[in-house]
Amino acid sequence: MSPRKLAAVLTILLVILAPLGYLLYSYHGFGTVVNPGIPKGSKGYVVIYTPSAQFYTLTAEEYREFLEGGHRPPEGSKVFNVTLDSYLTGSPVVDLNLTLRSVYDYFTIVMGDPSLVHCRDNPLLYPGDCRYRTLAVSEISGVVASIFAANYYIRGLQMGYDNATARQYAFNETQLRYRRAYLNFWTKVDIGRGKIGNENHLAVLLIGPAEGAKENRIFVPRKGLLVIEGKTDETLRAEVVLIENLIGFKWPEGNETKVVKITG
């Protein structure tokens, strides 16, 4: 092969293989993002869901003291043990607040595996519980959208808008900047290379039974990326409620989830 032809072949291979290599590198980088290793700090929590449809949240220590005091959750209650890990500051609660309360240009809710599409027409094909996954997605979407709109409402006031105009501005901006996505190949690539889940683009990733969840945990592996992992879809919903409590989130009156924080 002549040097000219060899150079042409090498150029073609470089043009094809370089982008492909970058895609594969980013895709595998997703695994590192969702399995970031040993955290700087961890704290255990317990979420109790009672038959009266009320949530109670306690630290693991508070729950142990609750049991040692001879108390028990109401008969028929569901108990969820959740670990919060910190990879940013050493404090899981600080990580949560810094991540969810910051101002972003965009936010994406990664709802889960593409098999979620079956929840619309054939729930039996989804390897989980469609009802609770839908509740988890809807609730965390509402939480993030509300915080996002509040930030843009304040921005609107700073721009000189009156109250009504600032609210409309916040609503419009939130709608324009809100995305939902499935956890497919391209979404993993975008997370792996940091296109979403960064200081300008908040990403919230739900990992449940359909995605191979191994633990019940909540963590922020890097700024702008929140991962909520639960071994069941019902646990995911309970974890979202725990997040609301830990960041002091309040729903508009009449639209709130009933949450009670028990202290020791």
Protein backbone atom coordinates (compact mmCIF):
# COMPACT_ATOMS: atom_id res chain seq x y z
CA MET A 1 0.00 0.00 0.00
CA SER A 2 1.34 3.40 -0.96
CA PRO A 3 2.07 5.96 1.78
CA ARG A 4 -0.74 8.14 0.45
CA LYS A 5 -3.31 5.33 0.64
CA LEU A 6 -2.04 4.28 4.07
CA ALA A 7 -2.42 7.83 5.32
CA ALA A 8 -5.96 7.97 3.93
CA VAL A 9 -6.90 4.69 5.65
CA LEU A 10 -5.42 5.85 8.96
CA THR A 11 -7.29 9.13 8.68
CA ILE A 12 -10.57 7.33 8.06
CA LEU A 13 -9.96 4.99 11.00
CA LEU A 14 -9.13 7.93 13.23
CA VAL A 15 -12.29 9.77 12.20
CA ILE A 16 -14.42 6.68 12.93
CA LEU A 17 -12.66 5.22 15.96
CA ALA A 18 -11.97 8.40 17.93
CA PRO A 19 -15.65 9.36 18.39
CA LEU A 20 -16.57 5.73 19.00
CA GLY A 21 -13.87 5.44 21.64
CA TYR A 22 -15.09 8.60 23.32
CA LEU A 23 -18.65 7.28 23.39
CA LEU A 24 -17.56 3.99 24.93
CA TYR A 25 -15.37 5.80 27.44
CA SER A 26 -18.29 8.01 28.48
CA TYR A 27 -20.66 5.04 28.64
CA HIS A 28 -18.35 3.12 30.96
CA GLY A 29 -17.78 6.31 32.91
CA PHE A 30 -21.43 6.13 33.93
CA GLY A 31 -20.61 3.07 36.05
CA THR A 32 -18.02 5.06 37.97
CA VAL A 33 -20.49 7.88 38.53
CA VAL A 34 -23.14 5.65 40.11
CA ASN A 35 -20.57 3.59 42.02
CA PRO A 36 -18.24 6.30 43.30
CA GLY A 37 -16.55 4.26 46.00
CA ILE A 38 -16.15 5.00 49.70
CA PRO A 39 -18.12 8.09 50.81
CA LYS A 40 -16.75 10.87 52.99
CA GLY A 41 -19.67 10.42 55.36
CA SER A 42 -22.84 8.38 55.80
CA LYS A 43 -25.99 8.54 57.88
CA GLY A 44 -28.81 6.05 58.28
CA TYR A 45 -32.49 6.97 58.23
CA VAL A 46 -35.78 5.14 58.63
CA VAL A 47 -39.00 6.04 56.84
CA ILE A 48 -42.25 4.61 58.20
CA TYR A 49 -45.40 4.57 56.12
CA THR A 50 -48.47 3.90 58.23
CA PRO A 51 -51.85 2.42 57.22
CA SER A 52 -53.28 5.94 57.66
CA ALA A 53 -51.14 7.05 54.69
CA GLN A 54 -48.77 9.13 56.81
CA PHE A 55 -44.98 9.17 56.59
CA TYR A 56 -42.69 9.37 59.59
CA THR A 57 -38.97 9.97 59.21
CA LEU A 58 -36.34 9.24 61.84
CA THR A 59 -32.61 8.85 61.99
CA ALA A 60 -31.46 5.28 62.55
CA GLU A 61 -30.47 6.26 66.10
CA GLU A 62 -33.89 7.74 66.81
CA TYR A 63 -35.60 4.62 65.50
CA ARG A 64 -33.43 2.37 67.67
CA GLU A 65 -34.29 4.44 70.73
CA PHE A 66 -37.95 4.32 69.71
CA LEU A 67 -37.87 0.51 69.69
CA GLU A 68 -35.80 0.25 72.85
CA GLY A 69 -38.39 2.39 74.60
CA GLY A 70 -40.95 -0.33 73.99
CA HIS A 71 -42.66 1.38 71.09
CA ARG A 72 -43.59 -0.08 67.72
CA PRO A 73 -44.87 1.39 64.46
CA PRO A 74 -48.63 1.05 64.00
CA GLU A 75 -49.75 -2.41 62.92
CA GLY A 76 -49.48 -2.79 59.15
CA SER A 77 -46.85 -0.07 58.74
CA LYS A 78 -44.07 -0.36 56.19
CA VAL A 79 -40.53 0.41 57.32
CA PHE A 80 -37.80 1.52 54.90
CA ASN A 81 -34.14 1.68 55.91
CA VAL A 82 -32.19 4.19 53.83
CA THR A 83 -28.53 5.23 53.81
CA LEU A 84 -27.46 8.72 52.80
CA ASP A 85 -23.90 8.93 51.54
CA SER A 86 -21.84 12.09 51.09
CA TYR A 87 -19.13 12.48 48.46
CA LEU A 88 -18.91 16.28 48.41
CA THR A 89 -18.80 17.80 51.89
CA GLY A 90 -18.85 14.87 54.30
CA SER A 91 -22.44 15.72 55.34
CA PRO A 92 -25.20 13.98 53.33
CA VAL A 93 -27.80 16.57 54.28
CA VAL A 94 -25.52 19.43 53.22
CA ASP A 95 -24.88 17.63 49.91
CA LEU A 96 -28.63 17.35 49.33
CA ASN A 97 -29.33 21.00 50.06
CA LEU A 98 -26.41 22.26 48.00
CA THR A 99 -27.53 20.11 45.06
CA LEU A 100 -31.27 20.76 45.09
CA ARG A 101 -31.25 24.38 46.25
CA SER A 102 -28.68 25.67 43.76
CA VAL A 103 -29.68 27.61 40.64
CA TYR A 104 -29.35 25.74 37.33
CA ASP A 105 -30.02 26.49 33.69
CA TYR A 106 -31.75 23.13 33.12
CA PHE A 107 -32.86 20.03 34.98
CA THR A 108 -33.52 16.48 33.85
CA ILE A 109 -35.38 13.73 35.68
CA VAL A 110 -33.99 10.37 34.56
CA MET A 111 -37.06 8.25 35.28
CA GLY A 112 -35.41 4.87 34.85
CA ASP A 113 -35.00 2.00 32.42
CA PRO A 114 -36.77 2.25 29.02
CA SER A 115 -38.97 -0.68 30.13
CA LEU A 116 -40.94 1.97 32.04
CA VAL A 117 -42.76 2.67 28.78
CA HIS A 118 -44.71 -0.55 29.44
CA CYS A 119 -46.38 1.13 32.41
CA ARG A 120 -48.59 2.95 29.91
CA ASP A 121 -49.96 -0.10 28.12
CA ASN A 122 -48.78 -3.37 29.70
CA PRO A 123 -47.53 -2.97 33.30
CA LEU A 124 -46.86 -6.70 33.62
CA LEU A 125 -43.86 -6.30 31.31
CA TYR A 126 -42.23 -3.81 33.66
CA PRO A 127 -39.90 -5.57 36.19
CA GLY A 128 -41.13 -3.51 39.12
CA ASP A 129 -44.21 -1.72 40.44
CA CYS A 130 -45.53 0.86 37.99
CA ARG A 131 -47.72 2.56 40.56
CA TYR A 132 -44.91 3.35 42.97
CA ARG A 133 -42.42 4.25 40.23
CA THR A 134 -44.96 6.69 38.82
CA LEU A 135 -45.47 8.19 42.28
CA ALA A 136 -41.70 8.49 42.82
CA VAL A 137 -41.14 10.14 39.43
CA SER A 138 -44.08 12.50 39.85
CA GLU A 139 -43.10 13.49 43.38
CA ILE A 140 -39.42 14.19 42.73
CA SER A 141 -40.34 15.99 39.51
CA GLY A 142 -42.73 18.20 41.45
CA VAL A 143 -40.16 18.91 44.15
CA VAL A 144 -37.41 19.90 41.72
CA ALA A 145 -39.76 21.90 39.48
CA SER A 146 -41.10 23.83 42.49
CA ILE A 147 -37.60 24.71 43.70
CA PHE A 148 -36.55 25.60 40.16
CA ALA A 149 -39.58 27.87 39.71
CA ALA A 150 -38.97 29.54 43.08
CA ASN A 151 -35.43 30.43 42.01
CA TYR A 152 -36.65 31.92 38.75
CA TYR A 153 -39.46 33.74 40.54
CA ILE A 154 -36.85 35.50 42.65
CA ARG A 155 -34.88 36.25 39.50
CA GLY A 156 -38.00 37.73 37.95
CA LEU A 157 -38.51 40.04 40.93
CA GLN A 158 -34.87 41.09 40.69
CA MET A 159 -35.49 41.95 37.04
CA GLY A 160 -38.23 44.37 38.13
CA TYR A 161 -41.31 42.25 37.37
CA ASP A 162 -44.37 42.58 39.58
CA ASN A 163 -45.54 39.54 41.56
CA ALA A 164 -47.90 38.11 38.93
CA THR A 165 -45.45 38.65 36.06
CA ALA A 166 -42.60 37.12 38.05
CA ARG A 167 -44.70 34.04 38.73
CA GLN A 168 -45.58 33.66 35.06
CA TYR A 169 -41.93 34.18 34.13
CA ALA A 170 -40.90 31.45 36.61
CA PHE A 171 -43.52 29.05 35.23
CA ASN A 172 -42.48 29.67 31.62
CA GLU A 173 -38.77 29.29 32.36
CA THR A 174 -39.34 26.07 34.29
CA GLN A 175 -41.35 24.54 31.45
CA LEU A 176 -38.67 25.47 28.91
CA ARG A 177 -35.81 24.07 30.97
CA TYR A 178 -37.37 20.82 32.23
CA ARG A 179 -36.53 17.46 30.63
CA ARG A 180 -37.46 13.84 31.30
CA ALA A 181 -35.37 10.94 30.02
CA TYR A 182 -35.09 7.18 30.16
CA LEU A 183 -31.87 5.57 31.29
CA ASN A 184 -30.84 4.33 27.84
CA PHE A 185 -27.40 4.18 26.21
CA TRP A 186 -27.34 7.85 25.25
CA THR A 187 -28.46 9.05 28.66
CA LYS A 188 -25.69 6.99 30.27
CA VAL A 189 -23.22 8.57 27.85
CA ASP A 190 -24.50 12.05 28.73
CA ILE A 191 -24.17 11.35 32.45
CA GLY A 192 -20.79 9.67 32.03
CA ARG A 193 -19.29 12.61 30.12
CA GLY A 194 -20.94 15.19 32.35
CA LYS A 195 -23.26 16.71 29.77
CA ILE A 196 -26.06 16.46 32.32
CA GLY A 197 -25.60 16.29 36.05
CA ASN A 198 -23.27 19.27 36.41
CA GLU A 199 -23.22 22.75 37.93
CA ASN A 200 -25.42 24.11 35.12
CA HIS A 201 -27.70 21.15 34.47
CA LEU A 202 -29.21 19.29 37.42
CA ALA A 203 -29.94 15.61 36.86
CA VAL A 204 -31.90 13.37 39.21
CA LEU A 205 -31.43 9.67 38.53
CA LEU A 206 -33.82 7.00 39.82
CA ILE A 207 -32.39 3.50 40.14
CA GLY A 208 -34.81 0.75 41.18
CA PRO A 209 -35.36 -2.96 40.54
CA ALA A 210 -35.61 -2.44 36.78
CA GLU A 211 -32.14 -0.85 36.80
CA GLY A 212 -30.55 -3.46 39.08
CA ALA A 213 -30.57 -1.52 42.36
CA LYS A 214 -28.54 -3.25 45.08
CA GLU A 215 -29.06 -0.85 48.02
CA ASN A 216 -31.46 1.68 49.47
CA ARG A 217 -29.36 4.82 49.32
CA ILE A 218 -29.33 8.47 48.30
CA PHE A 219 -26.14 10.22 47.24
CA VAL A 220 -24.61 13.04 45.20
CA PRO A 221 -21.55 11.67 43.38
CA ARG A 222 -20.74 15.09 41.92
CA LYS A 223 -22.19 18.57 41.90
CA GLY A 224 -25.50 18.68 40.04
CA LEU A 225 -26.21 14.94 40.06
CA LEU A 226 -28.54 13.31 42.60
CA VAL A 227 -28.92 9.52 42.63
CA ILE A 228 -31.87 7.89 44.37
CA GLU A 229 -31.47 4.12 44.58
CA GLY A 230 -34.01 1.68 46.02
CA LYS A 231 -34.38 -2.08 45.83
CA THR A 232 -38.12 -1.63 45.31
CA ASP A 233 -40.11 1.10 43.59
CA GLU A 234 -42.01 1.66 46.83
CA THR A 235 -38.69 2.37 48.53
CA LEU A 236 -37.89 4.97 45.86
CA ARG A 237 -41.10 6.79 46.71
CA ALA A 238 -40.25 6.68 50.44
CA GLU A 239 -36.77 8.01 49.68
CA VAL A 240 -38.22 10.98 47.82
CA VAL A 241 -40.35 11.77 50.85
CA LEU A 242 -37.24 11.56 53.03
CA ILE A 243 -35.46 14.02 50.73
CA GLU A 244 -38.37 16.46 51.05
CA ASN A 245 -38.07 16.29 54.82
CA LEU A 246 -34.30 16.67 54.92
CA ILE A 247 -34.22 19.78 52.72
CA GLY A 248 -37.24 21.33 54.43
CA PHE A 249 -39.34 21.29 51.27
CA LYS A 250 -42.94 22.46 51.64
CA TRP A 251 -45.65 21.72 49.11
CA PRO A 252 -48.23 24.38 48.29
CA GLU A 253 -51.10 24.20 50.75
CA GLY A 254 -53.55 21.43 49.87
CA ASN A 255 -51.01 19.57 47.72
CA GLU A 256 -48.62 18.36 50.40
CA THR A 257 -47.46 14.84 51.19
CA LYS A 258 -48.10 14.13 54.84
CA VAL A 259 -44.71 13.93 56.49
CA VAL A 260 -43.92 14.02 60.20
CA LYS A 261 -40.41 14.24 61.60
CA ILE A 262 -40.01 12.43 64.92
CA THR A 263 -37.15 13.59 67.09
CA GLY A 264 -35.68 11.71 70.02
